[in-house]
Protein backbone atom coordinates (compact mmCIF):
# COMPACT_ATOMS: atom_id res chain seq x y z
CA MET A 1 114.89 169.68 70.98
CA ALA A 2 116.50 172.76 69.28
CA SER A 3 114.53 175.21 71.38
CA PHE A 4 115.97 173.74 74.54
CA ARG A 5 119.54 174.05 73.46
CA LYS A 6 120.84 176.86 75.56
CA PRO A 7 124.63 177.08 75.43
CA ILE A 8 126.47 176.86 78.78
CA HIS A 9 130.08 177.63 79.67
CA ILE A 10 132.82 175.09 79.66
CA GLU A 11 133.55 175.53 83.37
CA THR A 12 129.86 174.77 84.10
CA VAL A 13 129.93 171.58 82.09
CA ILE A 14 133.08 170.41 83.89
CA GLU A 15 131.40 171.12 87.23
CA LYS A 16 128.38 169.03 86.19
CA ILE A 17 130.55 166.12 84.91
CA TRP A 18 132.71 166.20 88.02
CA LYS A 19 129.72 165.43 90.27
CA TYR A 20 129.77 161.86 88.66
CA ARG A 21 133.53 161.25 88.81
CA LYS A 22 134.51 157.93 90.26
CA SER A 23 137.75 156.87 91.99
CA GLY A 24 139.66 154.26 89.97
CA GLU A 25 140.31 150.81 91.44
CA ASN A 26 143.88 149.29 91.76
CA GLU A 27 145.22 146.09 90.29
CA THR A 28 148.50 144.36 90.52
CA VAL A 29 150.76 143.77 87.40
CA GLY A 30 154.19 142.51 86.80
CA LEU A 31 156.98 145.12 86.41
CA LYS A 32 157.26 144.50 82.72
CA ASP A 33 153.63 145.31 82.23
CA THR A 34 153.78 148.71 83.94
CA LEU A 35 154.91 150.84 81.01
CA GLY A 36 152.20 153.45 80.20
CA ARG A 37 150.17 152.48 83.28
CA PHE A 38 149.49 154.86 86.19
CA LEU A 39 150.84 154.06 89.67
CA GLY A 40 148.11 153.03 92.21
CA GLU A 41 150.50 153.38 95.12
CA ASP A 42 153.20 155.54 96.40
CA ILE A 43 156.67 154.16 95.67
CA ILE A 44 159.05 154.06 98.74
CA ALA A 45 162.72 153.39 98.72
CA THR A 46 163.51 149.98 100.32
CA THR A 47 167.26 150.63 100.62
CA ASP A 48 169.87 153.39 100.52
CA ILE A 49 171.24 154.31 97.10
CA PRO A 50 174.16 153.90 96.95
CA ARG A 51 173.90 150.92 99.25
CA PHE A 52 177.52 151.35 100.35
CA ASN A 53 180.40 153.86 99.86
CA LYS A 54 181.67 153.29 96.45
CA SER A 55 184.13 154.57 93.85
CA PRO A 56 182.71 156.66 90.98
CA TYR A 57 185.82 156.23 88.91
CA ASP A 58 188.53 153.74 87.90
CA GLY A 59 191.47 154.50 90.19
CA PHE A 60 193.07 153.62 93.43
CA ALA A 61 191.39 153.56 96.97
CA LEU A 62 193.72 154.96 99.59
CA ARG A 63 194.16 156.89 102.85
CA ALA A 64 194.12 160.69 102.34
CA ILE A 65 196.56 161.17 105.11
CA ASP A 66 199.26 159.11 103.31
CA ILE A 67 199.41 161.66 100.38
CA LYS A 68 198.75 164.79 102.42
CA GLU A 69 202.25 166.16 101.39
CA ALA A 70 202.22 164.87 97.81
CA THR A 71 203.14 167.35 95.12
CA SER A 72 204.97 167.27 91.72
CA ASP A 73 208.11 168.00 93.64
CA ASN A 74 207.36 165.60 96.41
CA ILE A 75 206.08 162.25 94.93
CA VAL A 76 204.59 159.71 97.31
CA GLU A 77 204.74 155.98 96.59
CA LEU A 78 202.02 153.59 97.73
CA MET A 79 202.07 149.79 97.36
CA VAL A 80 199.12 148.25 95.55
CA ILE A 81 197.90 145.28 97.64
CA ASP A 82 194.74 144.20 95.84
CA CYS A 83 192.52 144.76 92.76
CA ILE A 84 188.71 144.80 92.95
CA GLY A 85 186.03 145.42 90.32
CA ALA A 86 182.25 146.18 90.59
CA GLY A 87 180.48 143.63 92.69
CA MET A 88 183.68 142.52 94.42
CA ILE A 89 184.77 143.21 97.98
CA SER A 90 188.41 143.32 99.06
CA GLU A 91 189.19 141.22 102.11
CA LYS A 92 192.17 143.35 102.86
CA ARG A 93 192.47 146.43 105.01
CA VAL A 94 194.70 149.17 103.80
CA GLN A 95 197.61 150.03 106.09
CA PRO A 96 199.74 153.22 105.87
CA PHE A 97 201.19 153.92 102.31
CA GLU A 98 199.09 151.13 100.71
CA ALA A 99 196.39 151.33 98.05
CA ILE A 100 193.85 149.07 96.30
CA ARG A 101 193.28 149.18 92.57
CA ILE A 102 189.38 149.89 92.34
CA MET A 103 187.01 149.93 89.42
CA THR A 104 183.94 152.13 88.89
CA GLY A 105 181.10 151.11 91.15
CA ALA A 106 183.13 148.89 93.44
CA GLN A 107 182.71 149.10 97.25
CA LEU A 108 185.28 151.21 99.04
CA PRO A 109 187.70 148.92 100.97
CA ASP A 110 188.18 149.05 104.71
CA GLY A 111 190.67 151.71 105.86
CA CYS A 112 190.30 153.85 102.62
CA ASP A 113 188.70 157.33 102.66
CA ALA A 114 189.56 158.74 99.20
CA VAL A 115 189.94 157.56 95.62
CA MET A 116 192.74 158.83 93.24
CA MET A 117 191.66 158.73 89.61
CA LEU A 118 193.63 156.36 87.37
CA GLU A 119 195.00 158.97 84.97
CA LEU A 120 196.59 161.01 87.81
CA VAL A 121 199.05 158.30 88.94
CA LYS A 122 201.94 156.39 87.48
CA GLU A 123 202.29 152.64 88.09
CA ILE A 124 205.75 151.18 88.61
CA THR A 125 207.10 147.71 89.56
CA LYS A 126 209.65 147.47 92.30
CA ASP A 127 211.02 144.34 93.95
CA GLY A 128 208.20 142.29 92.49
CA ALA A 129 205.54 144.60 93.83
CA VAL A 130 203.32 147.18 92.09
CA TYR A 131 203.50 150.73 93.34
CA ILE A 132 201.77 153.94 92.34
CA GLN A 133 203.39 157.42 92.35
CA VAL A 134 201.07 160.15 93.56
CA LYS A 135 201.88 163.84 92.75
CA LYS A 136 198.80 165.53 94.42
CA SER A 137 196.95 165.37 97.77
CA LEU A 138 193.27 164.49 98.30
CA LYS A 139 190.82 165.44 101.07
CA GLN A 140 189.08 162.76 103.08
CA GLY A 141 185.91 161.74 101.25
CA GLU A 142 187.14 163.04 97.85
CA ASN A 143 185.97 161.11 94.85
CA ILE A 144 183.63 158.76 96.83
CA SER A 145 179.99 158.11 96.29
CA PHE A 146 178.69 157.85 99.88
CA LYS A 147 175.96 155.46 101.08
CA GLY A 148 172.49 157.08 100.82
CA GLU A 149 173.70 160.28 99.18
CA ASP A 150 171.35 159.70 96.24
CA ILE A 151 168.35 158.21 97.97
CA VAL A 152 167.77 157.31 101.64
CA ASN A 153 165.87 154.22 102.66
CA GLY A 154 162.22 154.99 103.38
CA LYS A 155 162.12 158.07 101.10
CA LYS A 156 158.89 158.57 99.06
CA LEU A 157 160.23 158.41 95.46
CA LEU A 158 156.98 158.57 93.32
CA GLU A 159 153.33 159.44 94.03
CA ALA A 160 150.34 157.43 93.01
CA GLY A 161 148.84 158.66 89.81
CA ILE A 162 152.12 159.18 87.93
CA LYS A 163 152.37 157.61 84.43
CA VAL A 164 154.96 155.01 84.26
CA ASN A 165 157.84 155.70 81.82
CA PRO A 166 160.99 153.61 81.24
CA GLY A 167 162.88 155.72 83.88
CA ILE A 168 160.22 154.85 86.46
CA GLN A 169 160.44 151.24 85.43
CA SER A 170 164.18 151.52 86.32
CA ILE A 171 163.38 152.84 89.78
CA LEU A 172 160.84 150.12 90.40
CA ALA A 173 163.45 147.52 89.46
CA THR A 174 166.14 149.16 91.57
CA PHE A 175 164.03 148.86 94.76
CA GLY A 176 162.67 145.34 94.02
CA TYR A 177 159.05 146.11 92.91
CA SER A 178 158.56 142.96 90.88
CA GLN A 179 154.83 143.33 91.39
CA VAL A 180 153.29 146.83 91.16
CA GLU A 181 150.01 148.36 92.17
CA VAL A 182 148.59 150.33 89.19
CA LYS A 183 145.23 151.98 88.47
CA ARG A 184 142.83 149.73 86.55
CA GLN A 185 142.30 151.24 83.13
CA PRO A 186 138.82 152.85 82.82
CA VAL A 187 136.92 151.03 80.05
CA ILE A 188 135.44 153.40 77.51
CA GLY A 189 133.06 152.21 74.82
CA VAL A 190 132.98 153.95 71.44
CA PHE A 191 130.12 153.94 68.91
CA ALA A 192 129.91 155.78 65.66
CA THR A 193 126.46 156.46 64.37
CA GLY A 194 125.29 157.36 60.93
CA SER A 195 124.15 155.48 57.80
CA GLU A 196 126.64 157.49 55.77
CA LEU A 197 129.60 155.72 57.42
CA LEU A 198 131.63 152.92 56.00
CA ASP A 199 134.37 150.90 57.78
CA VAL A 200 138.04 151.39 56.91
CA GLU A 201 138.24 148.36 54.58
CA ASP A 202 135.03 149.18 52.73
CA HIS A 203 135.09 150.66 49.24
CA LEU A 204 133.85 154.26 48.90
CA ALA A 205 130.31 154.62 47.43
CA PRO A 206 128.33 157.75 46.43
CA GLY A 207 127.21 159.76 49.50
CA LYS A 208 129.30 157.59 51.83
CA ILE A 209 132.49 158.38 53.90
CA ARG A 210 134.76 156.10 55.94
CA ASN A 211 134.43 156.12 59.73
CA SER A 212 137.55 157.95 61.15
CA ASN A 213 136.26 159.22 64.41
CA SER A 214 136.03 155.80 66.14
CA TYR A 215 139.73 155.03 65.37
CA MET A 216 140.70 158.64 66.49
CA LEU A 217 138.68 158.32 69.71
CA CYS A 218 140.17 155.02 70.59
CA GLY A 219 143.67 156.48 70.06
CA GLN A 220 142.80 159.46 72.38
CA ILE A 221 141.44 157.01 74.97
CA GLU A 222 144.54 154.90 74.94
CA ARG A 223 146.82 158.01 75.02
CA SER A 224 144.89 159.22 78.04
CA GLY A 225 145.50 155.87 79.85
CA GLY A 226 142.02 154.26 79.30
CA LYS A 227 141.05 151.04 77.61
CA ALA A 228 138.89 151.54 74.49
CA ILE A 229 136.25 149.07 73.27
CA HIS A 230 135.34 149.79 69.68
CA TYR A 231 131.76 148.73 69.17
CA GLY A 232 131.63 149.69 65.58
CA LEU A 233 129.04 151.42 63.45
CA ILE A 234 125.35 151.88 64.07
CA PRO A 235 123.15 152.96 61.18
CA ASP A 236 120.49 155.65 61.52
CA SER A 237 117.87 153.42 63.01
CA LEU A 238 116.27 154.50 66.30
CA GLU A 239 115.73 151.05 67.61
CA LYS A 240 119.23 149.71 66.62
CA VAL A 241 120.89 152.73 68.21
CA TYR A 242 118.86 152.38 71.38
CA HIS A 243 119.40 148.62 71.90
CA SER A 244 123.12 148.86 71.03
CA ILE A 245 123.71 151.62 73.52
CA ASN A 246 121.57 150.24 76.24
CA ARG A 247 123.50 146.95 76.09
CA ALA A 248 126.86 148.63 76.01
CA ILE A 249 126.24 150.75 79.05
CA GLU A 250 126.41 147.65 81.24
CA GLU A 251 129.90 146.80 79.89
CA VAL A 252 131.79 150.05 80.28
CA ASP A 253 132.72 152.83 82.72
CA ILE A 254 131.94 155.50 80.24
CA LEU A 255 130.21 155.40 76.89
CA VAL A 256 131.05 157.69 73.91
CA THR A 257 129.07 158.08 70.77
CA THR A 258 130.08 160.23 67.76
CA GLY A 259 127.44 161.73 65.50
CA GLY A 260 123.61 161.98 65.96
CA VAL A 261 123.61 164.77 68.58
CA SER A 262 122.66 167.65 66.34
CA VAL A 263 119.11 168.71 65.34
CA GLY A 264 118.72 166.87 62.03
CA ASP A 265 115.95 164.37 61.23
CA PHE A 266 118.28 161.42 61.73
CA ASP A 267 119.96 162.69 64.78
CA TYR A 268 118.62 160.20 67.28
CA MET A 269 120.81 160.71 70.31
CA PRO A 270 118.44 163.20 72.08
CA ILE A 271 115.56 160.68 71.62
CA ILE A 272 117.76 157.84 72.88
CA TYR A 273 118.63 159.79 76.13
CA GLU A 274 114.85 160.08 76.71
CA LYS A 275 114.26 156.37 76.20
CA LEU A 276 117.11 155.58 78.59
CA HIS A 277 115.63 157.99 81.21
CA ALA A 278 118.94 159.78 81.24
CA ASN A 279 119.73 162.92 83.04
CA VAL A 280 120.91 165.26 80.36
CA LEU A 281 123.65 167.51 81.87
CA CYS A 282 124.23 169.65 78.79
CA ASN A 283 123.38 169.56 75.12
CA LYS A 284 124.93 172.77 73.83
CA ILE A 285 128.28 174.27 75.09
CA ALA A 286 129.62 177.75 74.29
CA MET A 287 132.71 176.48 72.42
CA ARG A 288 133.85 176.06 68.83
CA PRO A 289 134.21 173.49 67.46
CA GLY A 290 131.91 171.05 69.28
CA SER A 291 129.09 173.20 70.54
CA VAL A 292 126.69 170.32 70.10
CA THR A 293 128.61 168.13 72.55
CA THR A 294 126.16 166.40 74.82
CA VAL A 295 126.65 164.77 78.13
CA ALA A 296 124.18 162.64 80.00
CA GLU A 297 124.07 160.36 83.04
CA VAL A 298 122.33 157.05 83.47
CA ASN A 299 122.50 155.33 86.89
CA GLY A 300 125.72 157.13 87.66
CA LYS A 301 127.43 156.40 84.39
CA LEU A 302 128.32 159.18 81.96
CA LEU A 303 127.38 159.10 78.26
CA PHE A 304 129.21 161.55 75.98
CA GLY A 305 127.62 162.41 72.72
CA LEU A 306 130.35 163.98 70.58
CA SER A 307 130.02 165.72 67.27
CA GLY A 308 130.25 163.68 64.07
CA ASN A 309 132.65 166.30 62.74
CA PRO A 310 136.20 164.95 63.29
CA SER A 311 137.78 168.15 64.72
CA ALA A 312 134.74 168.89 66.97
CA CYS A 313 134.78 165.31 68.11
CA TYR A 314 138.52 165.48 68.87
CA VAL A 315 138.22 168.79 70.83
CA GLY A 316 135.23 167.58 72.85
CA PHE A 317 137.21 164.51 73.97
CA GLU A 318 140.30 166.54 75.01
CA LEU A 319 138.27 169.07 76.98
CA PHE A 320 135.85 166.69 78.90
CA LEU A 321 136.75 163.03 78.57
CA ARG A 322 140.58 163.19 78.98
CA PRO A 323 140.45 164.91 82.39
CA LEU A 324 137.85 162.46 83.61
CA ILE A 325 139.88 159.47 82.52
CA ARG A 326 143.10 160.94 84.09
CA ASP A 327 141.17 161.61 87.32
CA MET A 328 140.11 157.95 87.42
CA LEU A 329 143.67 157.02 87.06
CA GLY A 330 144.63 159.05 90.19
CA SER A 331 146.27 161.99 88.43
CA LYS A 332 146.67 165.02 90.65
CA LYS A 333 146.52 167.21 87.52
CA PRO A 334 144.05 165.58 85.22
CA PHE A 335 143.47 168.50 82.85
CA ALA A 336 145.61 169.35 79.85
CA LYS A 337 148.54 171.54 80.83
CA LYS A 338 148.00 175.16 79.89
CA VAL A 339 150.96 177.50 78.88
CA LYS A 340 151.33 180.96 77.50
CA ALA A 341 152.51 181.55 73.95
CA VAL A 342 152.77 184.44 71.46
CA LEU A 343 150.16 184.28 68.61
CA GLY A 344 152.30 184.03 65.46
CA THR A 345 149.71 185.19 63.00
CA ASP A 346 146.55 187.26 62.86
CA PHE A 347 143.32 185.61 63.61
CA PRO A 348 140.59 188.14 62.63
CA LYS A 349 137.70 185.74 62.65
CA VAL A 350 135.17 186.80 65.32
CA ASN A 351 133.06 184.34 67.36
CA PRO A 352 130.88 184.75 70.53
CA PHE A 353 132.08 181.30 71.69
CA THR A 354 135.42 180.27 73.00
CA ARG A 355 137.44 178.65 70.24
CA PHE A 356 139.87 175.84 70.42
CA VAL A 357 142.09 176.02 67.38
CA ARG A 358 144.30 173.06 66.15
CA SER A 359 147.75 174.57 66.27
CA LYS A 360 151.47 174.01 66.46
CA LEU A 361 154.07 175.37 68.83
CA TYR A 362 157.64 176.41 68.06
CA PHE A 363 160.43 178.56 69.47
CA GLN A 364 161.52 181.79 67.78
CA ASN A 365 164.21 183.94 69.41
CA THR A 366 163.62 182.19 72.81
CA LYS A 367 159.82 182.98 72.59
CA LEU A 368 157.24 180.20 72.41
CA ILE A 369 155.13 180.93 69.25
CA VAL A 370 151.76 179.33 68.35
CA LYS A 371 150.20 179.19 64.91
CA PRO A 372 147.02 177.64 63.77
CA ILE A 373 147.29 174.72 61.26
CA GLY A 374 145.35 175.03 58.00
CA LEU A 375 141.63 175.47 57.85
CA ASP A 376 139.74 175.97 61.15
CA LYS A 377 136.55 174.13 60.20
CA SER A 378 135.04 171.42 62.39
CA GLY A 379 134.98 168.94 59.62
CA VAL A 380 138.65 169.37 58.60
CA ILE A 381 140.78 166.36 59.55
CA TYR A 382 144.24 167.15 58.23
CA SER A 383 145.02 169.69 60.91
CA LEU A 384 144.49 167.05 63.56
CA ALA A 385 147.42 165.00 62.28
CA LEU A 386 149.87 167.88 62.74
CA ALA A 387 148.48 169.65 65.80
CA ASP A 388 150.47 169.40 69.15
CA CYS A 389 148.30 171.94 70.96
CA LEU A 390 144.93 173.74 71.04
CA LEU A 391 145.05 177.46 70.84
CA VAL A 392 142.41 178.98 73.17
CA LEU A 393 140.73 182.11 71.88
CA PRO A 394 138.10 183.55 74.24
CA GLY A 395 134.77 184.45 72.69
CA GLY A 396 134.01 188.12 71.94
CA SER A 397 133.44 190.78 69.40
CA ARG A 398 136.99 191.24 68.19
CA GLY A 399 139.71 189.18 66.49
CA PHE A 400 143.25 188.48 67.58
CA GLN A 401 146.51 189.94 66.19
CA ALA A 402 149.94 188.49 65.86
CA GLY A 403 152.13 189.26 68.91
CA MET A 404 149.28 188.86 71.42
CA GLU A 405 149.80 186.58 74.41
CA VAL A 406 147.40 183.58 74.36
CA ASP A 407 146.69 180.48 76.17
CA VAL A 408 147.58 177.08 74.65
CA LEU A 409 146.49 173.53 75.84
CA LEU A 410 149.23 170.91 75.22
CA LEU A 411 148.05 167.68 73.65
CA GLU A 412 150.99 165.35 74.21
CA ASP A 413 152.06 166.54 77.65
CA GLN A 414 151.92 163.85 80.45
CA GLU A 415 152.41 166.18 83.41
CA GLY A 416 148.87 167.71 83.24
CA GLY A 417 147.54 170.86 84.68
CA GLU A 418 144.71 172.48 86.67
CA LYS A 419 141.13 173.23 85.65
CA TYR A 420 140.80 175.44 82.51
């Protein structure tokens, strides 16, 4: 198999994968279950916001014409004829030189066209009635939140494909969306291969390591919006690997394996693809880490063979699986968002392949700076815990110096971006 492993560019891999992308299906869930899901429909305003002219302050609703001449030297008195709070409506209509005490959010009474803030008047009692003394004028419409000034009935508020956050849940509740169309979560199956692997609760033994990739991948799948099925560990047995994978393909939208894709004596995945009559789209990519990332197709379903090295596995997922999942969820920008940053340290290491370095962003003197985290080896796991981005260093025959402008892929961003 090694002689056939000709590296291809990342852009070519994405083009091959994209031919097998599938549109996600919709399902209906209750409003409380929408957090973290992706909208399957555009959200349209079902009413004006505000629904009526209302007061944004505690104060007094009045007629602007009555206080047109009001100044500190010409105090105007208005009789207070009613008092209303939010959710209440006054049955009285204001006449000349009358006012109504109004609380924040209450509907503007009939006849009123302005609101004087509470702290700008003085209340007095005279002949058993309450009056306010006004020392300044207002224009018609001053201190009023008008019907529809925020949102007009029928306006498109949110597009399908947006991830629901608590603010979006508030909008859904405001407009009566008790049941919401969301995208069905793509089901992604995860296998870890290798007889050297132990499960998390197992005690360590000579030559063994605990399986971390499966849990990492399941987390990446959930963060991307998919639903992960952790199938567990498969030892280095050709028949066990084949039967486990062949059965799982029927239960998932996409299947991911980690390990077994290199050229060692126990790397069975290339043989498994042959036994499955899979169409291998790529088995070597011009990237570091994760050059052995393999992608195959079986009856329209994609199988991703990611490296057993944790960082290589992580990067392979972010570059190829995350965009695919986001696309199935209706995202208009399914790829990781790319921004420009200033390299904060020298990176003299030369590599002919494009490198994706686990890094961290920070601001310094208003500039966005990026620095790699720790060791840049594919088997290193500590840098994964601290990284918030991937520094992109194009392949070539030279290193990179501090101060150079570089591309950075954001890992936690939800907005997304265009193709790399």
